[in-house]
Amino acid sequence: MTTANEREILLAVTGGIAAYKAAALASRLVQAGFGVSAMMTRAAAELLGPPTLAALTGRPVELSLTQEENPIPHIAAARRAKMMVVAPATANILAKAACGIADDLVSATLLAFPGPILMAPAMNTVMWNKPATARNIRRLSEDGVHFVGPASGHLGCGDTGAGRMAEPEEIFSAIERLFPQ
C-alpha cells in the first residue's frame, strides 16, 4: 500500500468552462488513493468555487503567486508533487507554458515543476485549430509535456467540434499510465 505522499498529484485548473470537470477528476483521484493539491487561476476560481475543490481534496486551494504565509508557493507546490495535471488547459495556459511565461501561480508552477506534466486542452474549435495553438502544442510536446484530448463534441459555447476537454475518467487513465513508479 502506498501513502498519499508517494502518489501526490498537483491539479491545476485554468479558466475554461470545462473547469467543472476538474471537480470530478479531483474526486476520482482521491478515491483512488492519490493525494491531490489543487491550484486555480483567477478565471478558474470564478467558474468553479475553490471551496468545491477544497472539500473534494481535503486541502486548501492555492490561488495566488503572492502569499504572506508562503512567499514562494509555486516552488513549494512543485516540490511536493510527483506529477502535475492541468485540466482544463486553456489556449492561454498553453501559450504561456510554451513561451516560458510565469506571471501567475499556475504558469510559474509549470515552469518550476520537474516531473511529468499532463495537460487536458479545452477551448473553442476555432481556437483549437489556430496555427498558434498547434505551434504551442508542438513546442510543449517537444519539451516532454503529455496531452490527453481534446475530444470532439458539444462545446460550452454552443458549437460542436474539436476542443472538448477529455472526460475525467480518460484523464485519470492517462495519469495512471504516466505516473512515475
N, C-alpha and C. Protein backbone atom coordinates (compact mmCIF):
# COMPACT_ATOMS: atom_id res chain seq x y z
N MET A 1 0.85 -1.19 0.00
CA MET A 1 0.00 0.00 0.00
C MET A 1 0.89 1.24 0.00
N THR A 2 0.59 2.19 -0.86
CA THR A 2 1.38 3.41 -0.93
C THR A 2 0.73 4.49 -0.10
N THR A 3 1.53 5.44 0.33
CA THR A 3 0.99 6.58 1.06
C THR A 3 0.60 7.67 0.09
N ALA A 4 -0.21 8.61 0.55
CA ALA A 4 -0.63 9.72 -0.30
C ALA A 4 0.58 10.48 -0.82
N ASN A 5 1.63 10.60 0.01
CA ASN A 5 2.82 11.33 -0.39
C ASN A 5 3.50 10.67 -1.59
N GLU A 6 3.48 9.36 -1.66
CA GLU A 6 4.09 8.65 -2.79
C GLU A 6 3.26 8.79 -4.06
N ARG A 7 2.00 9.10 -3.92
CA ARG A 7 1.10 9.26 -5.07
C ARG A 7 0.50 10.67 -5.06
N GLU A 8 1.37 11.65 -5.07
CA GLU A 8 0.95 13.05 -4.93
C GLU A 8 0.80 13.72 -6.30
N ILE A 9 -0.39 14.28 -6.51
CA ILE A 9 -0.74 14.97 -7.77
C ILE A 9 -0.97 16.44 -7.46
N LEU A 10 -0.49 17.28 -8.36
CA LEU A 10 -0.81 18.70 -8.33
C LEU A 10 -1.78 18.96 -9.47
N LEU A 11 -3.01 19.34 -9.12
CA LEU A 11 -4.05 19.60 -10.11
C LEU A 11 -4.19 21.10 -10.29
N ALA A 12 -3.89 21.58 -11.49
CA ALA A 12 -4.01 23.00 -11.82
C ALA A 12 -5.24 23.18 -12.71
N VAL A 13 -6.11 24.06 -12.30
CA VAL A 13 -7.36 24.31 -13.02
C VAL A 13 -7.28 25.72 -13.60
N THR A 14 -7.48 25.82 -14.92
CA THR A 14 -7.46 27.13 -15.56
C THR A 14 -8.86 27.50 -16.02
N GLY A 15 -9.01 28.73 -16.51
CA GLY A 15 -10.32 29.34 -16.67
C GLY A 15 -11.12 29.03 -17.90
N GLY A 16 -11.37 27.78 -18.18
CA GLY A 16 -12.30 27.40 -19.23
C GLY A 16 -13.57 26.85 -18.60
N ILE A 17 -14.65 26.87 -19.36
CA ILE A 17 -15.93 26.39 -18.84
C ILE A 17 -15.83 24.92 -18.42
N ALA A 18 -14.89 24.19 -19.00
CA ALA A 18 -14.70 22.78 -18.62
C ALA A 18 -14.13 22.63 -17.22
N ALA A 19 -13.87 23.72 -16.52
CA ALA A 19 -13.34 23.64 -15.15
C ALA A 19 -14.23 22.78 -14.25
N TYR A 20 -15.52 22.74 -14.56
CA TYR A 20 -16.42 21.94 -13.72
C TYR A 20 -16.01 20.47 -13.70
N LYS A 21 -15.37 19.98 -14.77
CA LYS A 21 -14.93 18.58 -14.82
C LYS A 21 -13.77 18.31 -13.87
N ALA A 22 -13.05 19.37 -13.48
CA ALA A 22 -11.92 19.20 -12.57
C ALA A 22 -12.40 18.68 -11.22
N ALA A 23 -13.60 19.02 -10.83
CA ALA A 23 -14.14 18.53 -9.55
C ALA A 23 -14.30 17.01 -9.60
N ALA A 24 -14.84 16.50 -10.68
CA ALA A 24 -15.00 15.04 -10.82
C ALA A 24 -13.64 14.36 -10.88
N LEU A 25 -12.67 14.98 -11.56
CA LEU A 25 -11.33 14.41 -11.63
C LEU A 25 -10.68 14.37 -10.25
N ALA A 26 -10.79 15.47 -9.51
CA ALA A 26 -10.22 15.51 -8.16
C ALA A 26 -10.83 14.42 -7.29
N SER A 27 -12.12 14.26 -7.35
CA SER A 27 -12.81 13.24 -6.56
C SER A 27 -12.33 11.84 -6.94
N ARG A 28 -12.20 11.59 -8.22
CA ARG A 28 -11.76 10.28 -8.71
C ARG A 28 -10.34 9.97 -8.23
N LEU A 29 -9.46 10.97 -8.28
CA LEU A 29 -8.09 10.78 -7.84
C LEU A 29 -8.01 10.47 -6.35
N VAL A 30 -8.75 11.22 -5.54
CA VAL A 30 -8.75 10.99 -4.10
C VAL A 30 -9.29 9.60 -3.78
N GLN A 31 -10.36 9.21 -4.45
CA GLN A 31 -10.93 7.88 -4.23
C GLN A 31 -9.95 6.76 -4.59
N ALA A 32 -9.05 7.04 -5.53
CA ALA A 32 -8.07 6.04 -5.96
C ALA A 32 -6.81 6.07 -5.09
N GLY A 33 -6.79 6.92 -4.05
CA GLY A 33 -5.67 6.93 -3.13
C GLY A 33 -4.59 7.95 -3.42
N PHE A 34 -4.84 8.84 -4.38
CA PHE A 34 -3.86 9.89 -4.65
C PHE A 34 -4.04 11.03 -3.65
N GLY A 35 -2.94 11.65 -3.26
CA GLY A 35 -3.00 12.91 -2.55
C GLY A 35 -3.13 13.99 -3.62
N VAL A 36 -4.08 14.88 -3.48
CA VAL A 36 -4.32 15.90 -4.50
C VAL A 36 -4.25 17.28 -3.87
N SER A 37 -3.34 18.10 -4.40
CA SER A 37 -3.29 19.51 -4.06
C SER A 37 -3.76 20.26 -5.29
N ALA A 38 -4.65 21.23 -5.10
CA ALA A 38 -5.20 21.97 -6.23
C ALA A 38 -4.77 23.42 -6.20
N MET A 39 -4.62 23.96 -7.41
CA MET A 39 -4.40 25.39 -7.58
C MET A 39 -5.26 25.84 -8.75
N MET A 40 -5.65 27.11 -8.70
CA MET A 40 -6.55 27.63 -9.72
C MET A 40 -6.08 29.02 -10.16
N THR A 41 -6.34 29.30 -11.44
CA THR A 41 -6.16 30.67 -11.90
C THR A 41 -7.34 31.49 -11.41
N ARG A 42 -7.21 32.80 -11.48
CA ARG A 42 -8.30 33.68 -11.06
C ARG A 42 -9.57 33.40 -11.88
N ALA A 43 -9.41 33.20 -13.19
CA ALA A 43 -10.57 32.91 -14.04
C ALA A 43 -11.22 31.59 -13.66
N ALA A 44 -10.42 30.58 -13.34
CA ALA A 44 -10.98 29.29 -12.93
C ALA A 44 -11.79 29.43 -11.66
N ALA A 45 -11.28 30.22 -10.72
CA ALA A 45 -11.97 30.40 -9.44
C ALA A 45 -13.31 31.10 -9.61
N GLU A 46 -13.48 31.85 -10.70
CA GLU A 46 -14.77 32.48 -10.98
C GLU A 46 -15.77 31.47 -11.56
N LEU A 47 -15.26 30.40 -12.15
CA LEU A 47 -16.12 29.39 -12.77
C LEU A 47 -16.42 28.21 -11.85
N LEU A 48 -15.46 27.83 -11.02
CA LEU A 48 -15.60 26.71 -10.10
C LEU A 48 -15.11 27.19 -8.76
N GLY A 49 -15.96 27.20 -7.78
CA GLY A 49 -15.58 27.74 -6.47
C GLY A 49 -14.47 26.94 -5.82
N PRO A 50 -13.43 27.62 -5.35
CA PRO A 50 -12.36 26.92 -4.64
C PRO A 50 -12.83 26.04 -3.49
N PRO A 51 -13.91 26.42 -2.76
CA PRO A 51 -14.37 25.52 -1.69
C PRO A 51 -14.77 24.13 -2.20
N THR A 52 -15.20 24.04 -3.44
CA THR A 52 -15.56 22.73 -4.01
C THR A 52 -14.33 21.83 -4.07
N LEU A 53 -13.25 22.35 -4.64
CA LEU A 53 -12.03 21.55 -4.74
C LEU A 53 -11.43 21.29 -3.36
N ALA A 54 -11.52 22.26 -2.47
CA ALA A 54 -11.00 22.07 -1.12
C ALA A 54 -11.75 20.93 -0.42
N ALA A 55 -13.06 20.89 -0.57
CA ALA A 55 -13.85 19.82 0.06
C ALA A 55 -13.51 18.46 -0.54
N LEU A 56 -13.32 18.40 -1.85
CA LEU A 56 -13.05 17.12 -2.52
C LEU A 56 -11.64 16.61 -2.24
N THR A 57 -10.68 17.51 -2.08
CA THR A 57 -9.29 17.09 -1.85
C THR A 57 -8.93 17.04 -0.37
N GLY A 58 -9.71 17.73 0.46
CA GLY A 58 -9.38 17.82 1.87
C GLY A 58 -8.22 18.74 2.16
N ARG A 59 -7.91 19.61 1.22
CA ARG A 59 -6.78 20.54 1.34
C ARG A 59 -7.19 21.92 0.85
N PRO A 60 -6.54 22.96 1.36
CA PRO A 60 -6.82 24.30 0.83
C PRO A 60 -6.39 24.41 -0.63
N VAL A 61 -7.04 25.28 -1.37
CA VAL A 61 -6.72 25.50 -2.78
C VAL A 61 -5.84 26.74 -2.89
N GLU A 62 -4.74 26.60 -3.59
CA GLU A 62 -3.82 27.72 -3.81
C GLU A 62 -4.37 28.58 -4.96
N LEU A 63 -4.35 29.91 -4.76
CA LEU A 63 -4.92 30.81 -5.75
C LEU A 63 -3.98 31.90 -6.23
N SER A 64 -2.93 32.19 -5.48
CA SER A 64 -2.14 33.37 -5.79
C SER A 64 -0.64 33.09 -5.72
N LEU A 65 0.09 33.75 -6.58
CA LEU A 65 1.54 33.65 -6.59
C LEU A 65 2.15 34.42 -5.43
N THR A 66 1.40 35.37 -4.90
CA THR A 66 1.91 36.16 -3.77
C THR A 66 1.05 35.87 -2.54
N GLN A 67 1.69 35.31 -1.53
CA GLN A 67 1.01 34.96 -0.29
C GLN A 67 1.90 35.34 0.88
N GLU A 68 1.30 35.89 1.90
CA GLU A 68 2.08 36.27 3.09
C GLU A 68 2.69 35.06 3.78
N GLU A 69 1.89 34.01 3.95
CA GLU A 69 2.37 32.84 4.70
C GLU A 69 3.36 31.99 3.92
N ASN A 70 3.38 32.10 2.59
CA ASN A 70 4.28 31.32 1.76
C ASN A 70 4.72 32.18 0.58
N PRO A 71 5.87 32.83 0.67
CA PRO A 71 6.28 33.77 -0.36
C PRO A 71 6.65 33.11 -1.69
N ILE A 72 6.84 31.80 -1.72
CA ILE A 72 7.17 31.11 -2.98
C ILE A 72 6.30 29.86 -3.15
N PRO A 73 4.99 30.04 -3.27
CA PRO A 73 4.09 28.87 -3.33
C PRO A 73 4.31 27.99 -4.54
N HIS A 74 4.76 28.56 -5.65
CA HIS A 74 4.97 27.75 -6.85
C HIS A 74 6.12 26.76 -6.66
N ILE A 75 7.14 27.15 -5.92
CA ILE A 75 8.27 26.23 -5.67
C ILE A 75 7.84 25.15 -4.68
N ALA A 76 7.15 25.54 -3.63
CA ALA A 76 6.68 24.55 -2.64
C ALA A 76 5.76 23.52 -3.29
N ALA A 77 4.84 23.99 -4.13
CA ALA A 77 3.91 23.07 -4.81
C ALA A 77 4.66 22.14 -5.76
N ALA A 78 5.62 22.68 -6.48
CA ALA A 78 6.39 21.87 -7.43
C ALA A 78 7.21 20.80 -6.73
N ARG A 79 7.67 21.08 -5.53
CA ARG A 79 8.48 20.11 -4.79
C ARG A 79 7.65 19.00 -4.16
N ARG A 80 6.38 19.27 -3.85
CA ARG A 80 5.53 18.30 -3.15
C ARG A 80 5.05 17.17 -4.06
N ALA A 81 4.71 17.48 -5.29
CA ALA A 81 4.01 16.53 -6.15
C ALA A 81 4.96 15.72 -7.02
N LYS A 82 4.48 14.57 -7.42
CA LYS A 82 5.22 13.69 -8.34
C LYS A 82 4.78 13.94 -9.79
N MET A 83 3.58 14.52 -9.96
CA MET A 83 3.04 14.77 -11.30
C MET A 83 2.14 15.99 -11.24
N MET A 84 2.13 16.77 -12.34
CA MET A 84 1.25 17.94 -12.43
C MET A 84 0.27 17.70 -13.57
N VAL A 85 -1.00 17.99 -13.29
CA VAL A 85 -2.07 17.83 -14.28
C VAL A 85 -2.76 19.18 -14.43
N VAL A 86 -2.90 19.63 -15.67
CA VAL A 86 -3.61 20.88 -15.95
C VAL A 86 -4.90 20.53 -16.67
N ALA A 87 -6.03 20.75 -15.99
CA ALA A 87 -7.32 20.38 -16.56
C ALA A 87 -8.38 21.36 -16.06
N PRO A 88 -8.95 22.15 -16.92
CA PRO A 88 -8.67 22.26 -18.35
C PRO A 88 -7.40 23.07 -18.61
N ALA A 89 -6.78 22.78 -19.75
CA ALA A 89 -5.64 23.57 -20.22
C ALA A 89 -6.17 24.47 -21.34
N THR A 90 -6.35 25.73 -21.01
CA THR A 90 -6.88 26.70 -21.98
C THR A 90 -5.80 27.09 -22.99
N ALA A 91 -6.22 27.74 -24.06
CA ALA A 91 -5.27 28.26 -25.04
C ALA A 91 -4.29 29.21 -24.37
N ASN A 92 -4.76 29.96 -23.41
CA ASN A 92 -3.92 30.91 -22.69
C ASN A 92 -2.78 30.21 -21.94
N ILE A 93 -3.10 29.16 -21.19
CA ILE A 93 -2.04 28.49 -20.42
C ILE A 93 -1.11 27.72 -21.34
N LEU A 94 -1.63 27.20 -22.45
CA LEU A 94 -0.76 26.52 -23.42
C LEU A 94 0.26 27.51 -23.98
N ALA A 95 -0.19 28.71 -24.32
CA ALA A 95 0.71 29.73 -24.87
C ALA A 95 1.73 30.17 -23.84
N LYS A 96 1.28 30.41 -22.61
CA LYS A 96 2.21 30.81 -21.56
C LYS A 96 3.27 29.74 -21.33
N ALA A 97 2.84 28.50 -21.21
CA ALA A 97 3.78 27.41 -20.94
C ALA A 97 4.76 27.22 -22.10
N ALA A 98 4.27 27.32 -23.32
CA ALA A 98 5.13 27.14 -24.48
C ALA A 98 6.21 28.22 -24.56
N CYS A 99 5.89 29.40 -24.06
CA CYS A 99 6.83 30.53 -24.11
C CYS A 99 7.60 30.72 -22.80
N GLY A 100 7.32 29.91 -21.79
CA GLY A 100 8.01 30.04 -20.52
C GLY A 100 7.57 31.24 -19.71
N ILE A 101 6.37 31.73 -19.95
CA ILE A 101 5.85 32.86 -19.19
C ILE A 101 5.37 32.35 -17.84
N ALA A 102 5.72 33.07 -16.79
CA ALA A 102 5.40 32.65 -15.42
C ALA A 102 4.85 33.83 -14.64
N ASP A 103 3.67 34.31 -15.04
CA ASP A 103 3.12 35.53 -14.43
C ASP A 103 1.94 35.30 -13.50
N ASP A 104 1.63 34.05 -13.21
CA ASP A 104 0.61 33.71 -12.23
C ASP A 104 1.00 32.40 -11.57
N LEU A 105 0.25 31.96 -10.58
CA LEU A 105 0.62 30.76 -9.83
C LEU A 105 0.74 29.53 -10.72
N VAL A 106 -0.24 29.30 -11.59
CA VAL A 106 -0.21 28.09 -12.42
C VAL A 106 0.94 28.12 -13.40
N SER A 107 1.13 29.23 -14.12
CA SER A 107 2.21 29.27 -15.11
C SER A 107 3.58 29.23 -14.45
N ALA A 108 3.74 29.86 -13.30
CA ALA A 108 5.03 29.81 -12.58
C ALA A 108 5.31 28.40 -12.09
N THR A 109 4.28 27.71 -11.62
CA THR A 109 4.46 26.34 -11.14
C THR A 109 4.81 25.41 -12.30
N LEU A 110 4.18 25.61 -13.45
CA LEU A 110 4.53 24.80 -14.62
C LEU A 110 6.01 24.94 -14.95
N LEU A 111 6.51 26.16 -14.89
CA LEU A 111 7.92 26.39 -15.21
C LEU A 111 8.84 25.79 -14.15
N ALA A 112 8.39 25.73 -12.91
CA ALA A 112 9.21 25.20 -11.81
C ALA A 112 9.06 23.70 -11.61
N PHE A 113 8.09 23.07 -12.28
CA PHE A 113 7.79 21.67 -12.00
C PHE A 113 8.78 20.73 -12.70
N PRO A 114 9.46 19.86 -11.93
CA PRO A 114 10.49 18.99 -12.52
C PRO A 114 9.98 17.65 -13.06
N GLY A 115 8.76 17.26 -12.68
CA GLY A 115 8.26 15.93 -13.03
C GLY A 115 7.38 15.95 -14.27
N PRO A 116 6.70 14.84 -14.51
CA PRO A 116 5.82 14.74 -15.67
C PRO A 116 4.63 15.69 -15.55
N ILE A 117 4.27 16.27 -16.69
CA ILE A 117 3.14 17.19 -16.78
C ILE A 117 2.17 16.63 -17.81
N LEU A 118 0.89 16.57 -17.42
CA LEU A 118 -0.18 16.15 -18.31
C LEU A 118 -1.15 17.30 -18.46
N MET A 119 -1.48 17.64 -19.71
CA MET A 119 -2.43 18.72 -19.96
C MET A 119 -3.63 18.17 -20.71
N ALA A 120 -4.82 18.66 -20.33
CA ALA A 120 -6.07 18.29 -20.98
C ALA A 120 -6.65 19.55 -21.64
N PRO A 121 -6.29 19.80 -22.90
CA PRO A 121 -6.74 21.02 -23.57
C PRO A 121 -8.26 21.11 -23.66
N ALA A 122 -8.76 22.34 -23.57
CA ALA A 122 -10.19 22.61 -23.72
C ALA A 122 -10.36 24.04 -24.22
N MET A 123 -11.02 24.18 -25.36
CA MET A 123 -11.25 25.51 -25.93
C MET A 123 -12.21 25.39 -27.11
N ASN A 124 -12.63 26.52 -27.61
CA ASN A 124 -13.46 26.59 -28.80
C ASN A 124 -12.73 25.97 -29.99
N THR A 125 -13.46 25.37 -30.92
CA THR A 125 -12.87 24.71 -32.09
C THR A 125 -11.99 25.66 -32.90
N VAL A 126 -12.43 26.89 -33.10
CA VAL A 126 -11.63 27.85 -33.87
C VAL A 126 -10.30 28.09 -33.17
N MET A 127 -10.33 28.23 -31.85
CA MET A 127 -9.10 28.43 -31.08
C MET A 127 -8.20 27.19 -31.19
N TRP A 128 -8.79 26.00 -31.08
CA TRP A 128 -8.02 24.76 -31.17
C TRP A 128 -7.35 24.63 -32.53
N ASN A 129 -8.01 25.07 -33.59
CA ASN A 129 -7.50 24.91 -34.96
C ASN A 129 -6.53 26.01 -35.39
N LYS A 130 -6.29 27.00 -34.58
CA LYS A 130 -5.37 28.08 -34.94
C LYS A 130 -3.93 27.56 -35.03
N PRO A 131 -3.17 28.06 -36.00
CA PRO A 131 -1.76 27.67 -36.09
C PRO A 131 -0.98 27.95 -34.80
N ALA A 132 -1.30 29.03 -34.11
CA ALA A 132 -0.59 29.34 -32.86
C ALA A 132 -0.79 28.24 -31.82
N THR A 133 -2.00 27.71 -31.72
CA THR A 133 -2.27 26.63 -30.76
C THR A 133 -1.51 25.37 -31.16
N ALA A 134 -1.54 25.03 -32.45
CA ALA A 134 -0.79 23.86 -32.92
C ALA A 134 0.70 24.03 -32.65
N ARG A 135 1.22 25.22 -32.85
CA ARG A 135 2.63 25.51 -32.59
C ARG A 135 2.94 25.33 -31.10
N ASN A 136 2.04 25.82 -30.23
CA ASN A 136 2.26 25.70 -28.79
C ASN A 136 2.22 24.24 -28.34
N ILE A 137 1.28 23.48 -28.87
CA ILE A 137 1.19 22.05 -28.54
C ILE A 137 2.46 21.34 -28.99
N ARG A 138 2.91 21.64 -30.20
CA ARG A 138 4.13 21.02 -30.73
C ARG A 138 5.34 21.34 -29.84
N ARG A 139 5.48 22.60 -29.47
CA ARG A 139 6.62 23.01 -28.63
C ARG A 139 6.55 22.31 -27.27
N LEU A 140 5.36 22.29 -26.66
CA LEU A 140 5.22 21.64 -25.35
C LEU A 140 5.49 20.14 -25.45
N SER A 141 5.02 19.51 -26.52
CA SER A 141 5.30 18.08 -26.72
C SER A 141 6.79 17.83 -26.84
N GLU A 142 7.48 18.70 -27.58
CA GLU A 142 8.94 18.58 -27.70
C GLU A 142 9.63 18.76 -26.35
N ASP A 143 9.03 19.55 -25.47
CA ASP A 143 9.56 19.77 -24.13
C ASP A 143 9.20 18.64 -23.16
N GLY A 144 8.44 17.65 -23.64
CA GLY A 144 8.11 16.49 -22.81
C GLY A 144 6.76 16.53 -22.13
N VAL A 145 5.95 17.55 -22.43
CA VAL A 145 4.60 17.61 -21.85
C VAL A 145 3.72 16.57 -22.55
N HIS A 146 2.87 15.91 -21.78
CA HIS A 146 1.94 14.91 -22.30
C HIS A 146 0.55 15.54 -22.42
N PHE A 147 -0.24 15.01 -23.36
CA PHE A 147 -1.59 15.54 -23.59
C PHE A 147 -2.60 14.42 -23.62
N VAL A 148 -3.81 14.75 -23.16
CA VAL A 148 -4.96 13.87 -23.30
C VAL A 148 -6.08 14.73 -23.88
N GLY A 149 -6.60 14.31 -25.03
CA GLY A 149 -7.62 15.10 -25.71
C GLY A 149 -7.01 16.21 -26.51
N PRO A 150 -7.85 17.09 -27.00
CA PRO A 150 -9.28 17.20 -26.71
C PRO A 150 -10.11 16.26 -27.59
N ALA A 151 -11.35 16.12 -27.20
CA ALA A 151 -12.32 15.33 -27.95
C ALA A 151 -13.16 16.26 -28.82
N SER A 152 -13.93 15.68 -29.67
CA SER A 152 -14.91 16.43 -30.45
C SER A 152 -16.27 16.23 -29.81
N GLY A 153 -17.10 17.26 -29.89
CA GLY A 153 -18.44 17.15 -29.34
C GLY A 153 -19.03 18.52 -29.09
N HIS A 154 -20.07 18.55 -28.29
CA HIS A 154 -20.73 19.80 -27.94
C HIS A 154 -19.83 20.60 -27.00
N LEU A 155 -19.63 21.86 -27.33
CA LEU A 155 -18.78 22.73 -26.54
C LEU A 155 -19.63 23.71 -25.73
N GLY A 156 -19.04 24.25 -24.68
CA GLY A 156 -19.75 25.18 -23.81
C GLY A 156 -20.27 26.41 -24.54
N CYS A 157 -19.62 26.80 -25.62
CA CYS A 157 -20.04 27.98 -26.38
C CYS A 157 -21.22 27.69 -27.29
N GLY A 158 -21.64 26.42 -27.35
CA GLY A 158 -22.76 26.04 -28.20
C GLY A 158 -22.34 25.42 -29.51
N ASP A 159 -21.07 25.56 -29.88
CA ASP A 159 -20.57 24.94 -31.11
C ASP A 159 -20.37 23.45 -30.90
N THR A 160 -20.17 22.75 -32.00
CA THR A 160 -19.82 21.34 -31.97
C THR A 160 -18.54 21.17 -32.77
N GLY A 161 -17.58 20.45 -32.20
CA GLY A 161 -16.32 20.23 -32.89
C GLY A 161 -15.22 19.88 -31.92
N ALA A 162 -13.99 19.92 -32.43
CA ALA A 162 -12.82 19.61 -31.60
C ALA A 162 -12.61 20.72 -30.58
N GLY A 163 -12.14 20.33 -29.40
CA GLY A 163 -11.85 21.29 -28.36
C GLY A 163 -12.47 20.94 -27.02
N ARG A 164 -13.30 19.91 -27.00
CA ARG A 164 -13.96 19.49 -25.76
C ARG A 164 -12.94 18.77 -24.87
N MET A 165 -12.85 19.18 -23.61
CA MET A 165 -11.91 18.54 -22.70
C MET A 165 -12.23 17.06 -22.55
N ALA A 166 -11.18 16.25 -22.47
CA ALA A 166 -11.36 14.82 -22.24
C ALA A 166 -12.17 14.62 -20.96
N GLU A 167 -12.88 13.53 -20.90
CA GLU A 167 -13.68 13.23 -19.72
C GLU A 167 -12.75 12.86 -18.55
N PRO A 168 -13.20 13.13 -17.32
CA PRO A 168 -12.36 12.84 -16.15
C PRO A 168 -11.81 11.41 -16.12
N GLU A 169 -12.58 10.44 -16.51
CA GLU A 169 -12.10 9.06 -16.47
C GLU A 169 -10.97 8.83 -17.47
N GLU A 170 -11.03 9.48 -18.63
CA GLU A 170 -9.95 9.37 -19.62
C GLU A 170 -8.68 10.05 -19.09
N ILE A 171 -8.84 11.19 -18.44
CA ILE A 171 -7.69 11.88 -17.85
C ILE A 171 -7.10 11.02 -16.74
N PHE A 172 -7.96 10.42 -15.91
CA PHE A 172 -7.49 9.54 -14.84
C PHE A 172 -6.68 8.38 -15.42
N SER A 173 -7.14 7.77 -16.50
CA SER A 173 -6.40 6.66 -17.13
C SER A 173 -5.03 7.12 -17.61
N ALA A 174 -4.96 8.32 -18.18
CA ALA A 174 -3.68 8.86 -18.64
C ALA A 174 -2.75 9.11 -17.45
N ILE A 175 -3.29 9.59 -16.35
CA ILE A 175 -2.49 9.81 -15.13
C ILE A 175 -1.91 8.49 -14.65
N GLU A 176 -2.72 7.48 -14.57
CA GLU A 176 -2.23 6.17 -14.10
C GLU A 176 -1.15 5.63 -15.01
N ARG A 177 -1.29 5.85 -16.31
CA ARG A 177 -0.31 5.36 -17.28
C ARG A 177 1.02 6.12 -17.15
N LEU A 178 0.96 7.41 -16.88
CA LEU A 178 2.15 8.27 -16.87
C LEU A 178 2.77 8.47 -15.50
N PHE A 179 2.04 8.12 -14.44
CA PHE A 179 2.51 8.42 -13.10
C PHE A 179 3.84 7.72 -12.82
N PRO A 180 4.84 8.47 -12.29
CA PRO A 180 6.15 7.87 -12.02
C PRO A 180 6.06 6.73 -11.00
N GLN A 181 6.71 5.65 -11.30
CA GLN A 181 6.71 4.48 -10.40
C GLN A 181 7.76 4.59 -9.35
